[in-house]
Protein backbone atom coordinates (compact mmCIF):
# COMPACT_ATOMS: atom_id res chain seq x y z
CA MET A 1 -8.21 -17.27 -17.09
CA VAL A 2 -11.97 -17.02 -16.39
CA ALA A 3 -11.43 -16.97 -12.48
CA LEU A 4 -8.98 -13.94 -13.09
CA ARG A 5 -11.66 -12.20 -15.35
CA ILE A 6 -14.20 -12.83 -12.23
CA ALA A 7 -11.83 -12.19 -9.56
CA LEU A 8 -10.49 -8.71 -10.70
CA PRO A 9 -13.98 -7.16 -11.34
CA ALA A 10 -15.14 -8.48 -7.65
CA LEU A 11 -11.66 -6.88 -6.13
CA PHE A 12 -12.54 -3.46 -7.57
CA LEU A 13 -16.13 -3.53 -6.43
CA ALA A 14 -14.79 -4.66 -2.92
CA PHE A 15 -12.55 -1.50 -3.06
CA ALA A 16 -14.64 0.96 -4.35
CA PRO A 17 -13.79 4.46 -3.60
CA GLY A 18 -16.43 6.16 -0.95
CA THR A 19 -17.47 2.81 0.40
CA ALA A 20 -15.57 2.84 3.69
CA THR A 21 -15.20 5.89 6.01
CA ALA A 22 -12.15 7.59 6.96
CA ALA A 23 -12.25 6.51 10.48
CA SER A 24 -13.01 2.93 9.29
CA VAL A 25 -10.17 3.34 7.09
CA GLY A 26 -8.12 4.36 9.82
CA ASP A 27 -9.20 1.41 12.10
CA GLU A 28 -7.97 -1.10 9.58
CA LEU A 29 -4.34 0.49 9.30
CA LEU A 30 -4.11 0.76 12.91
CA LYS A 31 -5.03 -2.60 13.56
CA PHE A 32 -2.82 -4.47 10.97
CA GLY A 33 -0.32 -2.27 12.11
CA LEU A 34 0.28 -0.03 9.05
CA ILE A 35 0.43 3.60 11.14
CA GLY A 36 4.22 4.96 10.92
CA THR A 37 7.09 5.27 8.90
CA TRP A 38 8.40 2.23 6.73
CA ALA A 39 11.61 2.05 4.48
CA HIS A 40 13.70 -0.72 3.51
CA ASP A 41 16.55 0.13 5.51
CA CYS A 42 15.70 2.89 7.89
CA SER A 43 19.53 3.87 8.48
CA ARG A 44 19.38 5.41 4.93
CA ASP A 45 18.31 8.26 3.26
CA ALA A 46 15.26 8.31 0.98
CA ALA A 47 15.99 7.02 -2.66
CA GLY A 48 14.77 5.03 -5.45
CA ASP A 49 16.06 1.80 -3.98
CA ASN A 50 15.36 2.80 -0.76
CA PRO A 51 11.79 4.55 -0.70
CA TYR A 52 10.13 5.71 2.79
CA VAL A 53 6.20 5.07 3.10
CA ILE A 54 4.61 7.05 5.65
CA TYR A 55 1.11 5.83 6.76
CA ALA A 56 -1.14 8.29 8.79
CA ALA A 57 -4.83 8.62 10.25
CA PRO A 58 -5.58 11.93 11.35
CA ARG A 59 -7.96 12.33 13.75
CA SER A 60 -10.13 14.25 11.59
CA GLY A 61 -9.64 13.87 7.50
CA SER A 62 -8.72 11.12 5.68
CA PRO A 63 -5.93 8.44 6.25
CA THR A 64 -2.89 9.18 3.84
CA ARG A 65 0.00 7.08 2.19
CA THR A 66 3.32 9.48 1.66
CA LEU A 67 5.68 8.05 -0.34
CA GLN A 68 9.30 9.41 -0.19
CA MET A 69 11.76 8.02 -2.93
CA GLU A 70 13.00 11.13 -4.55
CA THR A 71 11.47 10.11 -7.60
CA LYS A 72 9.50 13.10 -9.51
CA GLY A 73 5.86 11.88 -10.31
CA LEU A 74 6.03 9.44 -7.58
CA ASP A 75 6.38 11.17 -4.55
CA GLY A 76 3.84 12.87 -2.75
CA LEU A 77 0.94 12.11 -0.14
CA VAL A 78 -2.50 10.61 -1.26
CA PRO A 79 -5.67 9.89 0.79
CA ILE A 80 -6.37 6.27 1.37
CA ASP A 81 -9.50 5.12 -0.27
CA SER A 82 -9.98 2.12 1.83
CA ALA A 83 -8.14 -0.57 3.80
CA ARG A 84 -9.42 -3.67 4.50
CA VAL A 85 -7.54 -6.29 7.34
CA VAL A 86 -7.97 -9.85 6.17
CA ASN A 87 -6.15 -11.80 9.18
CA ASP A 88 -3.27 -10.74 11.08
CA ARG A 89 -1.09 -11.11 7.81
CA ARG A 90 -2.99 -9.67 4.95
CA LEU A 91 -4.12 -6.41 4.29
CA GLU A 92 -5.95 -4.79 1.40
CA ILE A 93 -5.49 -1.53 0.55
CA ALA A 94 -6.41 1.37 -2.03
CA TRP A 95 -5.71 5.07 -3.10
CA THR A 96 -6.38 7.03 -6.48
CA GLN A 97 -3.10 8.59 -7.78
CA LYS A 98 -3.21 10.31 -10.92
CA GLY A 99 -6.76 9.16 -12.33
CA VAL A 100 -5.45 5.74 -11.17
CA THR A 101 -6.56 3.52 -8.51
CA PHE A 102 -3.89 1.33 -6.82
CA ARG A 103 -5.43 -1.76 -5.07
CA MET A 104 -2.75 -3.78 -3.09
CA VAL A 105 -2.75 -6.73 -0.73
CA PHE A 106 0.21 -6.36 1.60
CA ALA A 107 1.71 -9.36 3.54
CA LYS A 108 3.21 -9.28 6.98
CA ASP A 109 6.01 -11.42 8.28
CA ASP A 110 6.94 -12.76 11.87
CA ASP A 111 9.09 -9.45 12.21
CA GLY A 112 6.48 -7.11 11.41
CA ARG A 113 7.83 -6.32 7.84
CA TYR A 114 5.27 -5.82 5.55
CA ARG A 115 5.22 -5.94 1.49
CA SER A 116 3.07 -6.02 -0.95
CA VAL A 117 2.50 -9.21 -2.66
CA GLU A 118 -0.52 -8.06 -5.29
CA SER A 119 -0.99 -4.93 -6.95
CA VAL A 120 -3.50 -3.89 -9.91
CA GLY A 121 -4.12 -0.39 -11.29
CA SER A 122 -7.77 0.78 -12.46
CA ASP A 123 -5.72 1.28 -15.66
CA GLY A 124 -6.08 -2.75 -16.20
CA ARG A 125 -2.51 -3.20 -15.16
CA THR A 126 -1.15 -5.89 -12.86
CA TYR A 127 2.12 -4.58 -11.26
CA ILE A 128 2.93 -6.68 -8.94
CA ARG A 129 1.54 -10.23 -8.68
CA GLY A 130 2.71 -13.29 -6.31
CA GLY A 131 5.42 -10.50 -4.38
CA ARG A 132 7.41 -10.27 -7.81
CA PHE A 133 7.41 -7.13 -10.06
CA VAL A 134 5.35 -7.97 -13.66
CA ASN A 135 7.56 -5.83 -15.48
CA ASP A 136 11.20 -7.53 -14.40
CA ASP A 137 10.18 -10.44 -12.13
CA THR A 138 12.25 -9.20 -9.41
CA GLU A 139 11.11 -9.98 -5.76
CA VAL A 140 9.23 -6.93 -3.92
CA LYS A 141 11.38 -6.17 -0.94
CA TRP A 142 10.02 -5.99 2.72
CA PHE A 143 9.41 -2.82 4.62
CA SER A 144 10.67 -2.36 8.18
CA LYS A 145 9.02 0.09 10.71
CA CYS A 146 11.52 3.01 11.28
CA GLN A 147 11.54 4.93 14.70
CA SER A 148 11.28 8.05 12.93
CA PRO A 149 10.63 9.99 9.77
CA PRO A 150 13.44 10.58 7.39
CA SER A 151 15.44 13.70 7.59
């Protein structure tokens, strides 16, 4: 427990908003291969059980994350505050939405899919731990890259 109390503040400091330039954040997303449209099942429309996530790194302005799952209050576009490739299988990313900064660690598999394995909010809540949602202990599903955005 002591290690967790030390590790969480260190994680927040490592991703303090404003510490990275938009270009470097975009470069990290590109290096990890995250730019593009992702879903659990690209053959289906966006829905609560099939979210689409679109990561973009425009030439000017901040990189963004857009969530489309037809869920009021969750859908929308947010600027990405920071991103850091840990290694070829892990990416740490942060964005702020509705006053809460979400810090996530993504894992990538051999097929190029990704999923969240850790998620902590600046509100003190842990949302995902060890690749499982904390609230109901279900496994976080993998996202695959789609050829085109949802219609």
